[in-house]
Amino acid sequence: MSLRRIVLRDFVIVPSLDLDLDQGFNVLTGETGAGKSILIDALQLALGARADSGVVREGATRCEIAAEFDLPASLRPWLDEQGFAAADDSLLLRRTVDTEGRSRGWINGSAATMAQLKALADHLVDIHGQHAWQSLTRAEAVRGLLDAYAGVDATAAASLWSDWRQARKALESAAERQNTLQQESERLAWQIGELDKLQPQPGEWEDINAQHGRLANAQGLMDAAREAAAVLDDEDSSAASLIHRALSALQAQAHLEPAFNDAIEALQAALAQVQDTVHSLHHYTRHTELDPSGLEALDQRLSQWMSLARRYRRPPEELADLLAGWKKELASVDQAMDLDALRAAERKAWGTFEVEIKRLGKLRQQAAPKLSRAVTEAMQTLGMQGGRFEVGLQKLDEPQAHGWEQVEFQVAGHAGVSPRPVGKVASGGELSRIALAISVVTSRLGQAPTLIFDEVDSGIGGAVAHTVGQLLRQLGRDRQVLAVTHLPQVAACGDHHLLVSKRQSGSVTHSTVTPITHEQRVSELARMLGGNDRSEVSLAHARELLTA
């Protein structure tokens, strides 16, 4: 399983490129400035890396990158879950970027987010950059390398650490604020007691105002209902009487004029509505009574309500919510005053966190000597005979989100010297070789089917360079390897050779990538050996490298 094909359109200085890639160890070489890392940059974009308008070739409106991979079986469930169609055996990623910096992505022809493209990256490609040595002096990166080697995932520990810190902070804050909290509790309890006398309910203010309005105007309301009922039905000239007369007149002639039927139906309906209304009005007058005592009670409640609203400077309709808020705040204050409960919560959070970080620490302690031995062994073949590499674990005074351990890489450049932190004792060239050794060791454990090494061989040469080439070729037996290199010894070890070249067309530079074999490859190795001077000596040396 590997990267099958990569297609570029108007990417940086590449107008168009369709490149099929093979299994095994693939080397990419070319003159300085030819764009040897363009393929890697493009591949990272296809896998969701951040992009800007600068990747669009000058004069074009947008660039396009497509990368086709063999589909790992492990990704099929993820594709199904995310709603992407799974082709028989391939996975196609596509990305476009325009001159405004706008970007779009696709997975197997369906629109995808950058986060979804990034989610695929670790399953498809493992990239080791030319500045990998710089991470050897950064604590976080060093710990990440060990954790990757040990199979440690500190995500859960980070979440538990956050829970523990919050619990501890709550306990410390409560202990410092006991006097203040006591005063706050007493204040809230008194205010709640005042409002509890009223016991305001949500929506009650509007209800009692409506009730008060009805009781205060009860006599006028009853008079209006009686008068309306009389006008509708209790008099000779009432609405009901007039409708009856109209109905009788029309019904008497309806057998001669069918057009009257619609009017008759309308009048019958109107008469029914009038009769219903009269019934309702009579019911209202019979069941509505003057209630002076009820009106007085409402007056008192409204007065109490307004008094409390003025005291606490809130609109009357907010008193019910204010009371509920105070009760919730009092519960929170009382909880904060319960130091025993807070101590118990802190101990529980710490206990859960401690179990997890002890588990992580055990995995790191088991992996550290294994990684030390593996990198030390690789160093012997990279011109550091007698050198020793050690992964140091130092327990912190207080655990952090990642656990108890501070991880440090230590190295002794030759025999008879005690290992010391790499940043203090290793030269730039040694750091490069140590980083390469770590890359080779950790790459063997990864799951990505394609490994990419971007000029990780800087700072080495000679026999060591040949060893690097052999190591990468060996990795290529199990997985697809792509390596950008400037060393002929490394390039000669490749199973397949890709030449990156540039040409000038007026003021515009174009870059191309071409597979080369046989004499073309000899010529390229000779250029790498002797610059532009492809002498018979450099050509012979190139053939010798290929033969070896």
Protein backbone atom coordinates (compact mmCIF):
# COMPACT_ATOMS: atom_id res chain seq x y z
CA MET A 1 0.00 0.00 0.00
CA SER A 2 1.45 3.38 -0.96
CA LEU A 3 1.16 6.67 -2.83
CA ARG A 4 0.33 5.71 -6.41
CA ARG A 5 0.12 9.00 -8.24
CA ILE A 6 0.35 12.72 -7.73
CA VAL A 7 -1.04 15.36 -10.09
CA LEU A 8 -0.22 19.08 -9.95
CA ARG A 9 -1.73 21.98 -11.88
CA ASP A 10 -0.30 25.52 -11.58
CA PHE A 11 1.43 24.77 -8.28
CA VAL A 12 4.25 27.22 -7.42
CA ILE A 13 6.54 26.82 -10.48
CA VAL A 14 4.94 23.63 -11.86
CA PRO A 15 2.45 24.31 -14.68
CA SER A 16 1.44 20.67 -15.02
CA LEU A 17 2.65 17.36 -13.63
CA ASP A 18 1.29 13.81 -13.73
CA LEU A 19 3.63 11.50 -11.85
CA ASP A 20 3.23 7.79 -11.13
CA LEU A 21 5.19 6.55 -8.11
CA ASP A 22 6.56 3.08 -7.43
CA GLN A 23 7.04 0.93 -4.39
CA GLY A 24 10.44 0.67 -2.77
CA PHE A 25 12.98 3.45 -2.26
CA ASN A 26 12.36 6.51 -4.48
CA VAL A 27 14.95 9.29 -4.54
CA LEU A 28 14.36 12.86 -5.74
CA THR A 29 17.36 14.87 -6.83
CA GLY A 30 18.02 18.06 -8.76
CA GLU A 31 19.97 21.27 -8.83
CA THR A 32 19.61 23.84 -6.08
CA GLY A 33 16.45 25.86 -6.64
CA ALA A 34 14.88 23.29 -8.96
CA GLY A 35 12.11 22.65 -6.44
CA LYS A 36 13.02 19.23 -5.04
CA SER A 37 10.64 19.66 -2.10
CA ILE A 38 7.70 20.75 -4.26
CA LEU A 39 6.22 17.25 -4.32
CA ILE A 40 6.37 17.03 -0.53
CA ASP A 41 4.85 20.49 -0.11
CA ALA A 42 2.05 19.56 -2.51
CA LEU A 43 1.42 16.27 -0.72
CA GLN A 44 1.16 18.05 2.62
CA LEU A 45 -1.47 20.38 1.13
CA ALA A 46 -3.43 17.39 -0.18
CA LEU A 47 -3.37 16.11 3.42
CA GLY A 48 -4.89 19.29 4.84
CA ALA A 49 -1.86 21.51 5.60
CA ARG A 50 -2.45 25.24 5.80
CA ALA A 51 -2.29 27.02 2.43
CA ASP A 52 -2.16 30.57 1.13
CA SER A 53 -2.34 32.23 -2.27
CA GLY A 54 1.46 32.02 -2.65
CA VAL A 55 1.19 28.38 -3.80
CA VAL A 56 -0.66 29.45 -6.97
CA ARG A 57 1.65 29.72 -9.98
CA GLU A 58 2.09 33.30 -11.17
CA GLY A 59 -0.43 34.12 -13.91
CA ALA A 60 -2.86 31.34 -12.89
CA THR A 61 -6.15 31.76 -11.04
CA ARG A 62 -5.85 28.65 -8.85
CA CYS A 63 -3.72 25.59 -8.26
CA GLU A 64 -4.86 22.00 -7.92
CA ILE A 65 -3.24 19.02 -6.21
CA ALA A 66 -4.50 15.45 -6.40
CA ALA A 67 -2.94 12.44 -4.69
CA GLU A 68 -4.05 8.84 -5.20
CA PHE A 69 -3.19 6.25 -2.54
CA ASP A 70 -3.79 2.57 -2.09
CA LEU A 71 -6.67 2.42 0.38
CA PRO A 72 -5.62 0.96 3.76
CA ALA A 73 -8.23 -1.40 5.17
CA SER A 74 -8.04 0.48 8.48
CA LEU A 75 -9.52 3.57 6.83
CA ARG A 76 -12.67 1.96 5.42
CA PRO A 77 -14.69 2.28 8.67
CA TRP A 78 -13.68 5.94 8.97
CA LEU A 79 -14.72 6.67 5.37
CA ASP A 80 -18.09 5.00 5.99
CA GLU A 81 -18.60 6.93 9.20
CA GLN A 82 -17.78 10.25 7.51
CA GLY A 83 -20.02 9.51 4.52
CA PHE A 84 -17.33 9.15 1.84
CA ALA A 85 -17.65 6.55 -0.87
CA ALA A 86 -14.91 3.92 -0.63
CA ALA A 87 -13.52 2.89 -4.01
CA ASP A 88 -12.42 -0.72 -4.49
CA ASP A 89 -8.78 -0.21 -3.58
CA SER A 90 -7.88 3.46 -3.97
CA LEU A 91 -8.22 6.71 -2.07
CA LEU A 92 -8.23 9.98 -4.00
CA LEU A 93 -7.51 13.28 -2.24
CA ARG A 94 -7.89 16.59 -4.05
CA ARG A 95 -7.23 20.18 -3.00
CA THR A 96 -7.55 23.55 -4.75
CA VAL A 97 -6.28 26.97 -3.66
CA ASP A 98 -7.11 30.20 -5.49
CA THR A 99 -5.38 33.58 -5.65
CA GLU A 100 -7.54 34.88 -2.79
CA GLY A 101 -6.26 32.10 -0.54
CA ARG A 102 -9.60 30.27 -0.60
CA SER A 103 -9.22 26.52 -0.37
CA ARG A 104 -11.44 23.51 -1.04
CA GLY A 105 -10.87 19.79 -0.51
CA TRP A 106 -12.36 16.50 -1.69
CA ILE A 107 -12.11 12.86 -0.64
CA ASN A 108 -13.07 10.34 -3.32
CA GLY A 109 -14.92 13.08 -5.17
CA SER A 110 -16.99 14.34 -2.19
CA ALA A 111 -16.38 17.70 -0.54
CA ALA A 112 -14.25 17.43 2.59
CA THR A 113 -13.05 19.77 5.34
CA MET A 114 -9.38 20.40 6.06
CA ALA A 115 -9.84 18.62 9.39
CA GLN A 116 -11.04 15.51 7.55
CA LEU A 117 -8.04 15.61 5.20
CA LYS A 118 -5.71 15.99 8.20
CA ALA A 119 -7.37 13.02 9.88
CA LEU A 120 -6.11 10.85 7.02
CA ALA A 121 -2.52 12.09 7.15
CA ASP A 122 -1.19 9.82 9.92
CA HIS A 123 -2.70 6.78 8.20
CA LEU A 124 -1.03 7.52 4.85
CA VAL A 125 2.26 9.41 5.17
CA ASP A 126 5.02 9.85 7.73
CA ILE A 127 7.21 12.88 6.93
CA HIS A 128 10.67 13.47 8.40
CA GLY A 129 11.84 16.99 7.62
CA GLN A 130 15.30 18.36 7.03
CA HIS A 131 15.20 20.28 10.30
CA ALA A 132 14.17 17.29 12.42
CA TRP A 133 17.31 17.72 14.54
CA GLN A 134 15.95 20.98 15.95
CA SER A 135 13.24 19.08 17.83
CA LEU A 136 15.89 17.18 19.81
CA THR A 137 16.38 20.22 22.05
CA ARG A 138 12.68 20.89 22.68
CA ALA A 139 11.18 19.11 25.69
CA GLU A 140 7.71 18.75 24.21
CA ALA A 141 8.98 17.32 20.93
CA VAL A 142 11.34 14.93 22.72
CA ARG A 143 8.52 13.62 24.89
CA GLY A 144 6.38 13.26 21.78
CA LEU A 145 9.04 11.11 20.11
CA LEU A 146 9.30 8.81 23.13
CA ASP A 147 5.53 8.60 23.48
CA ALA A 148 5.14 7.71 19.81
CA TYR A 149 7.75 4.99 20.25
CA ALA A 150 6.06 3.73 23.43
CA GLY A 151 2.55 3.92 22.01
CA VAL A 152 1.56 6.44 24.68
CA ASP A 153 -1.50 8.63 24.24
CA ALA A 154 -1.58 11.38 26.89
CA THR A 155 -4.94 12.82 25.82
CA ALA A 156 -6.87 11.27 28.71
CA ALA A 157 -4.20 12.36 31.19
CA ALA A 158 -4.47 15.97 30.00
CA SER A 159 -8.23 15.94 30.58
CA LEU A 160 -7.86 14.38 34.05
CA TRP A 161 -5.12 16.87 34.90
CA SER A 162 -7.50 19.70 34.06
CA ASP A 163 -10.20 18.18 36.29
CA TRP A 164 -7.75 17.81 39.17
CA ARG A 165 -6.44 21.37 38.78
CA GLN A 166 -9.98 22.75 38.84
CA ALA A 167 -10.84 20.75 41.95
CA ARG A 168 -7.67 21.89 43.70
CA LYS A 169 -8.26 25.50 42.70
CA ALA A 170 -11.83 25.33 44.06
CA LEU A 171 -10.55 23.97 47.38
CA GLU A 172 -7.77 26.57 47.70
CA SER A 173 -10.10 29.41 46.77
CA ALA A 174 -12.73 28.28 49.28
CA ALA A 175 -10.17 27.94 52.07
CA GLU A 176 -8.95 31.50 51.46
CA ARG A 177 -12.47 32.94 51.27
CA GLN A 178 -14.15 31.30 54.26
CA ASN A 179 -14.88 34.58 56.09
CA THR A 180 -16.08 36.27 52.93
CA LEU A 181 -18.19 33.27 51.98
CA GLN A 182 -19.82 33.24 55.44
CA GLN A 183 -20.82 36.88 55.06
CA GLU A 184 -22.08 36.22 51.54
CA SER A 185 -24.13 33.26 52.76
CA GLU A 186 -25.77 35.34 55.52
CA ARG A 187 -26.57 38.19 53.13
CA LEU A 188 -28.14 35.86 50.58
CA ALA A 189 -30.12 33.99 53.26
CA TRP A 190 -31.59 37.27 54.59
CA GLN A 191 -32.53 38.49 51.09
CA ILE A 192 -34.08 35.14 50.23
CA GLY A 193 -36.07 35.28 53.48
CA GLU A 194 -37.47 38.69 52.50
CA LEU A 195 -38.55 37.54 49.06
CA ASP A 196 -39.83 34.21 50.37
CA LYS A 197 -42.46 36.15 52.34
CA LEU A 198 -43.87 37.23 49.00
CA GLN A 199 -43.16 33.92 47.25
CA PRO A 200 -43.31 35.43 43.76
CA GLN A 201 -44.02 32.94 40.99
CA PRO A 202 -42.94 33.21 37.35
CA GLY A 203 -45.60 35.10 35.39
CA GLU A 204 -47.56 35.99 38.53
CA TRP A 205 -46.99 39.77 38.25
CA GLU A 206 -48.87 39.90 34.97
CA ASP A 207 -51.66 37.68 36.33
CA ILE A 208 -52.36 39.70 39.48
CA ASN A 209 -52.34 42.94 37.51
CA ALA A 210 -54.97 41.47 35.20
CA GLN A 211 -57.04 40.22 38.17
CA HIS A 212 -56.77 43.59 39.90
CA GLY A 213 -57.96 45.33 36.74
CA ARG A 214 -61.02 43.08 36.54
CA LEU A 215 -61.99 43.42 40.19
CA ALA A 216 -61.44 47.18 40.24
CA ASN A 217 -63.79 47.54 37.25
CA ALA A 218 -66.21 44.70 38.04
CA GLN A 219 -69.38 46.88 38.15
CA GLY A 220 -68.60 48.53 34.82
CA LEU A 221 -67.85 45.17 33.23
CA MET A 222 -71.18 43.70 34.41
CA ASP A 223 -73.11 46.73 33.15
CA ALA A 224 -71.44 46.45 29.76
CA ALA A 225 -72.32 42.74 29.49
CA ARG A 226 -76.02 43.35 30.39
CA GLU A 227 -76.32 46.20 27.91
CA ALA A 228 -74.74 44.17 25.12
CA ALA A 229 -77.06 41.21 25.80
CA ALA A 230 -80.10 43.48 25.71
CA VAL A 231 -79.09 45.07 22.42
CA LEU A 232 -78.52 41.65 20.87
CA ASP A 233 -81.64 39.81 22.05
CA ASP A 234 -83.79 41.41 24.81
CA GLU A 235 -85.57 44.15 22.87
CA ASP A 236 -88.03 44.27 19.97
CA SER A 237 -85.46 46.07 17.85
CA SER A 238 -82.54 43.83 18.95
CA ALA A 239 -80.09 42.37 16.51
CA ALA A 240 -81.66 38.92 16.85
CA SER A 241 -85.15 40.29 16.10
CA LEU A 242 -83.95 42.13 13.03
CA ILE A 243 -82.18 39.03 11.72
CA HIS A 244 -85.36 36.98 12.29
CA ARG A 245 -87.39 39.50 10.22
CA ALA A 246 -84.85 39.44 7.41
CA LEU A 247 -84.84 35.62 7.39
CA SER A 248 -88.65 35.45 7.28
CA ALA A 249 -88.84 37.85 4.33
CA LEU A 250 -86.27 35.94 2.27
CA GLN A 251 -87.55 32.49 3.17
CA ALA A 252 -91.06 33.46 2.01
CA GLN A 253 -89.78 34.13 -1.51
CA ALA A 254 -86.93 31.62 -1.73
CA HIS A 255 -89.03 29.17 -3.77
CA LEU A 256 -89.19 31.81 -6.51
CA GLU A 257 -85.60 33.07 -6.30
CA PRO A 258 -82.89 30.46 -5.60
CA ALA A 259 -80.27 33.26 -5.28
CA PHE A 260 -81.79 34.05 -1.84
CA ASN A 261 -80.46 30.76 -0.47
CA ASP A 262 -76.91 32.06 0.08
CA ALA A 263 -78.21 35.09 1.98
CA ILE A 264 -80.51 32.85 4.07
CA GLU A 265 -77.52 30.60 5.05
CA ALA A 266 -75.46 33.62 6.02
CA LEU A 267 -78.26 35.07 8.17
CA GLN A 268 -78.87 31.72 9.87
CA ALA A 269 -75.19 31.52 10.75
CA ALA A 270 -75.24 35.11 12.06
CA LEU A 271 -78.29 34.37 14.19
CA ALA A 272 -76.55 31.32 15.71
CA GLN A 273 -73.47 33.42 16.58
CA VAL A 274 -75.65 36.13 18.14
CA GLN A 275 -77.47 33.55 20.25
CA ASP A 276 -74.14 32.02 21.41
CA THR A 277 -72.81 35.44 22.32
CA VAL A 278 -75.96 36.30 24.28
CA HIS A 279 -75.67 33.02 26.18
CA SER A 280 -72.05 33.81 27.08
CA LEU A 281 -72.92 37.33 28.26
CA HIS A 282 -75.77 36.09 30.46
CA HIS A 283 -73.42 33.48 31.94
CA TYR A 284 -70.86 36.23 32.68
CA THR A 285 -73.38 38.43 34.48
CA ARG A 286 -74.75 35.54 36.56
CA HIS A 287 -71.34 34.34 37.73
CA THR A 288 -69.50 37.61 38.18
CA GLU A 289 -69.74 39.21 41.60
CA LEU A 290 -68.34 42.30 43.20
CA ASP A 291 -65.47 41.24 45.56
CA PRO A 292 -64.28 44.17 47.70
CA SER A 293 -62.27 41.91 50.03
CA GLY A 294 -60.52 40.21 47.08
CA LEU A 295 -59.71 43.61 45.61
CA GLU A 296 -58.25 44.72 48.94
CA ALA A 297 -56.07 41.58 49.12
CA LEU A 298 -54.76 42.22 45.63
CA ASP A 299 -54.04 45.84 46.53
CA GLN A 300 -51.96 44.69 49.49
CA ARG A 301 -50.03 42.10 47.43
CA LEU A 302 -49.31 44.61 44.66
CA SER A 303 -48.09 47.12 47.25
CA GLN A 304 -45.77 44.53 48.83
CA TRP A 305 -44.52 43.49 45.38
CA MET A 306 -43.74 47.11 44.38
CA SER A 307 -42.02 47.76 47.70
CA LEU A 308 -39.62 44.81 47.25
CA ALA A 309 -39.00 45.76 43.62
CA ARG A 310 -37.95 49.27 44.70
CA ARG A 311 -35.78 47.90 47.53
CA TYR A 312 -33.79 45.64 45.24
CA ARG A 313 -33.98 48.01 42.26
CA ARG A 314 -35.47 45.48 39.90
CA PRO A 315 -38.56 45.58 37.68
CA PRO A 316 -41.44 43.83 39.53
CA GLU A 317 -41.73 41.12 36.87
CA GLU A 318 -38.11 40.04 37.60
CA LEU A 319 -38.59 39.24 41.30
CA ALA A 320 -39.35 35.55 40.73
CA ASP A 321 -36.18 35.09 38.66
CA LEU A 322 -34.20 37.11 41.22
CA LEU A 323 -35.32 34.78 44.02
CA ALA A 324 -34.42 31.68 41.99
CA GLY A 325 -31.00 33.16 41.18
CA TRP A 326 -30.27 33.96 44.84
CA LYS A 327 -31.21 30.43 45.90
CA LYS A 328 -28.87 28.98 43.29
CA GLU A 329 -26.09 31.35 44.36
CA LEU A 330 -26.61 30.46 48.02
CA ALA A 331 -26.34 26.76 47.19
CA SER A 332 -23.06 27.47 45.38
CA VAL A 333 -21.71 29.52 48.30
CA ASP A 334 -22.73 26.85 50.82
CA GLN A 335 -21.04 24.21 48.66
CA ALA A 336 -17.88 26.33 48.55
CA MET A 337 -17.99 26.57 52.37
CA ASP A 338 -18.07 22.77 52.64
CA LEU A 339 -14.33 22.21 52.79
CA ASP A 340 -14.71 18.52 53.60
CA ALA A 341 -16.65 17.93 50.38
CA LEU A 342 -14.16 19.96 48.36
CA ARG A 343 -11.24 18.02 49.86
CA ALA A 344 -12.96 14.77 48.97
CA ALA A 345 -13.57 15.97 45.39
CA GLU A 346 -9.92 17.02 45.07
CA ARG A 347 -8.68 13.68 46.40
CA LYS A 348 -10.93 11.78 44.01
CA ALA A 349 -9.78 13.85 41.00
CA TRP A 350 -6.15 13.40 42.01
CA GLY A 351 -6.56 9.66 42.49
CA THR A 352 -8.01 9.18 39.02
CA PHE A 353 -5.30 11.35 37.48
CA GLU A 354 -2.54 9.60 39.44
CA VAL A 355 -3.60 6.16 38.22
CA GLU A 356 -3.42 7.35 34.60
CA ILE A 357 -0.04 9.11 34.83
CA LYS A 358 1.48 6.15 36.64
CA ARG A 359 0.34 3.97 33.75
CA LEU A 360 1.93 6.40 31.26
CA GLY A 361 5.11 6.54 33.33
CA LYS A 362 5.41 2.77 33.32
CA LEU A 363 5.08 2.66 29.53
CA ARG A 364 7.74 5.37 29.17
CA GLN A 365 10.11 3.62 31.55
CA GLN A 366 9.75 0.41 29.56
CA ALA A 367 10.24 2.15 26.21
CA ALA A 368 13.13 4.47 27.14
CA PRO A 369 15.90 1.80 27.29
CA LYS A 370 14.58 0.15 24.12
CA LEU A 371 14.68 3.42 22.21
CA SER A 372 18.11 4.17 23.69
CA ARG A 373 19.52 0.85 22.45
CA ALA A 374 17.92 1.15 19.01
CA VAL A 375 19.21 4.69 18.38
CA THR A 376 22.64 3.81 19.78
CA GLU A 377 22.83 0.89 17.34
CA ALA A 378 21.84 3.14 14.43
CA MET A 379 24.47 5.73 15.47
CA GLN A 380 27.24 3.14 15.03
CA THR A 381 26.45 2.98 11.32
CA LEU A 382 26.26 6.77 10.93
CA GLY A 383 29.85 7.66 11.71
CA MET A 384 29.43 7.81 15.49
CA GLN A 385 31.16 4.56 16.47
CA GLY A 386 31.35 4.15 20.23
CA GLY A 387 28.68 6.81 20.68
CA ARG A 388 25.82 6.23 23.04
CA PHE A 389 22.29 7.55 23.15
CA GLU A 390 20.13 7.61 26.26
CA VAL A 391 16.58 8.65 26.98
CA GLY A 392 16.57 10.28 30.41
CA LEU A 393 13.42 10.38 32.55
CA GLN A 394 13.35 12.84 35.43
CA LYS A 395 10.39 13.04 37.81
CA LEU A 396 8.94 16.52 38.08
CA ASP A 397 8.15 18.12 41.44
CA GLU A 398 4.53 18.30 40.37
CA PRO A 399 2.91 16.38 37.49
CA GLN A 400 1.83 18.25 34.39
CA ALA A 401 -0.86 17.48 31.84
CA HIS A 402 1.43 14.91 30.18
CA GLY A 403 2.39 13.15 33.42
CA TRP A 404 5.24 13.00 35.95
CA GLU A 405 8.16 12.70 33.54
CA GLN A 406 10.44 15.27 32.03
CA VAL A 407 12.01 13.51 29.02
CA GLU A 408 15.51 14.43 27.88
CA PHE A 409 17.66 12.98 25.10
CA GLN A 410 21.29 12.57 26.09
CA VAL A 411 24.24 11.57 23.94
CA ALA A 412 27.89 10.66 24.18
CA GLY A 413 29.59 11.28 20.84
CA HIS A 414 32.28 8.63 21.42
CA ALA A 415 33.33 5.94 23.86
CA GLY A 416 34.49 6.83 27.36
CA VAL A 417 32.29 9.90 27.73
CA SER A 418 29.18 10.15 29.89
CA PRO A 419 26.01 11.08 27.99
CA ARG A 420 24.90 14.70 28.35
CA PRO A 421 21.92 16.65 26.93
CA VAL A 422 22.13 16.65 23.13
CA GLY A 423 21.83 20.42 22.82
CA LYS A 424 24.93 20.93 24.96
CA VAL A 425 27.36 18.39 23.55
CA ALA A 426 26.37 17.58 19.97
CA SER A 427 27.47 19.54 16.92
CA GLY A 428 25.09 20.40 14.11
CA GLY A 429 26.31 17.46 12.05
CA GLU A 430 25.99 15.08 14.98
CA LEU A 431 22.51 16.36 15.71
CA SER A 432 21.53 15.69 12.11
CA ARG A 433 22.85 12.15 12.31
CA ILE A 434 21.14 11.51 15.66
CA ALA A 435 17.88 12.87 14.25
CA LEU A 436 18.27 10.58 11.24
CA ALA A 437 18.92 7.61 13.50
CA ILE A 438 15.78 8.41 15.49
CA SER A 439 13.80 8.88 12.26
CA VAL A 440 14.91 5.49 10.98
CA VAL A 441 14.18 3.75 14.30
CA THR A 442 10.75 5.33 14.80
CA SER A 443 9.79 4.90 11.15
CA ARG A 444 10.06 1.15 11.47
CA LEU A 445 7.30 1.26 14.07
CA GLY A 446 4.89 3.54 12.24
CA GLN A 447 1.77 2.43 10.40
CA ALA A 448 1.87 4.91 7.49
CA PRO A 449 2.53 3.04 4.22
CA THR A 450 4.60 5.92 2.77
CA LEU A 451 7.69 7.41 4.44
CA ILE A 452 9.13 10.71 3.26
CA PHE A 453 12.59 11.99 4.16
CA ASP A 454 13.17 15.61 3.16
CA GLU A 455 16.96 16.22 3.12
CA VAL A 456 17.43 14.54 6.50
CA ASP A 457 20.92 13.59 5.29
CA SER A 458 22.28 17.14 5.53
CA GLY A 459 25.52 17.38 7.46
CA ILE A 460 26.80 13.91 6.51
CA GLY A 461 28.82 12.51 3.65
CA GLY A 462 31.25 9.81 2.54
CA ALA A 463 30.77 6.30 3.85
CA VAL A 464 28.13 7.52 6.29
CA ALA A 465 26.07 8.81 3.36
CA HIS A 466 26.23 5.38 1.75
CA THR A 467 25.05 3.82 5.01
CA VAL A 468 22.12 6.25 5.11
CA GLY A 469 21.21 5.21 1.59
CA GLN A 470 21.35 1.55 2.58
CA LEU A 471 19.15 2.22 5.61
CA LEU A 472 16.54 3.97 3.50
CA ARG A 473 16.72 1.22 0.88
CA GLN A 474 16.17 -1.32 3.63
CA LEU A 475 13.11 0.59 4.83
CA GLY A 476 11.87 0.54 1.24
CA ARG A 477 11.60 -3.24 1.35
CA ASP A 478 8.66 -2.98 3.75
CA ARG A 479 7.17 0.36 2.82
CA GLN A 480 7.30 2.99 0.13
CA VAL A 481 10.09 5.53 0.81
CA LEU A 482 10.53 8.92 -0.86
CA ALA A 483 13.71 10.83 -0.08
CA VAL A 484 14.80 14.27 -1.23
CA THR A 485 18.59 14.19 -1.19
CA HIS A 486 21.64 16.10 -2.38
CA LEU A 487 24.01 13.20 -1.72
CA PRO A 488 24.99 10.95 -4.65
CA GLN A 489 25.75 8.08 -2.26
CA VAL A 490 22.14 8.15 -1.04
CA ALA A 491 20.70 8.66 -4.52
CA ALA A 492 22.62 5.69 -5.85
CA CYS A 493 20.85 3.40 -3.38
CA GLY A 494 17.40 4.27 -4.71
CA ASP A 495 15.25 1.66 -6.41
CA HIS A 496 13.77 4.48 -8.50
CA HIS A 497 15.19 7.89 -9.34
CA LEU A 498 13.15 11.05 -9.99
CA LEU A 499 14.95 14.07 -11.43
CA VAL A 500 13.61 17.52 -10.57
CA SER A 501 14.72 20.10 -13.13
CA LYS A 502 13.84 23.67 -13.98
CA ARG A 503 13.90 25.61 -17.21
CA GLN A 504 13.59 29.26 -18.02
CA SER A 505 10.98 30.52 -20.47
CA GLY A 506 11.51 34.25 -20.78
CA SER A 507 11.19 35.58 -17.24
CA VAL A 508 9.19 32.56 -16.04
CA THR A 509 10.71 29.51 -14.35
CA HIS A 510 9.06 26.10 -14.77
CA SER A 511 9.86 22.95 -12.83
CA THR A 512 9.33 19.34 -13.92
CA VAL A 513 9.82 15.90 -12.35
CA THR A 514 10.94 13.05 -14.58
CA PRO A 515 11.77 9.41 -13.82
CA ILE A 516 15.31 8.60 -15.03
CA THR A 517 17.16 5.33 -15.57
CA HIS A 518 20.46 3.99 -16.89
CA GLU A 519 22.71 6.65 -18.46
CA GLN A 520 20.45 9.53 -17.39
CA ARG A 521 20.87 8.39 -13.85
CA VAL A 522 24.65 8.07 -14.27
CA SER A 523 24.75 11.62 -15.62
CA GLU A 524 22.73 12.97 -12.66
CA LEU A 525 24.94 11.20 -10.12
CA ALA A 526 28.01 12.59 -11.89
CA ARG A 527 26.55 16.09 -11.61
CA MET A 528 25.95 15.53 -7.89
CA LEU A 529 29.55 14.32 -7.51
CA GLY A 530 31.32 17.00 -9.48
CA GLY A 531 28.91 19.86 -10.09
CA ASN A 532 28.25 20.77 -13.70
CA ASP A 533 31.52 19.19 -14.76
CA ARG A 534 30.46 15.69 -15.87
CA SER A 535 33.96 14.44 -16.46
CA GLU A 536 34.89 10.89 -17.30
CA VAL A 537 36.14 10.54 -13.75
CA SER A 538 32.81 11.64 -12.22
CA LEU A 539 30.88 9.47 -14.70
CA ALA A 540 33.00 6.46 -13.80
CA HIS A 541 32.53 7.20 -10.11
CA ALA A 542 28.75 7.45 -10.68
CA ARG A 543 28.69 4.04 -12.38
CA GLU A 544 30.71 2.62 -9.50
CA LEU A 545 28.20 3.98 -6.98
CA LEU A 546 25.31 2.42 -8.87
CA THR A 547 27.09 -0.88 -9.14
CA ALA A 548 27.91 -0.89 -5.41
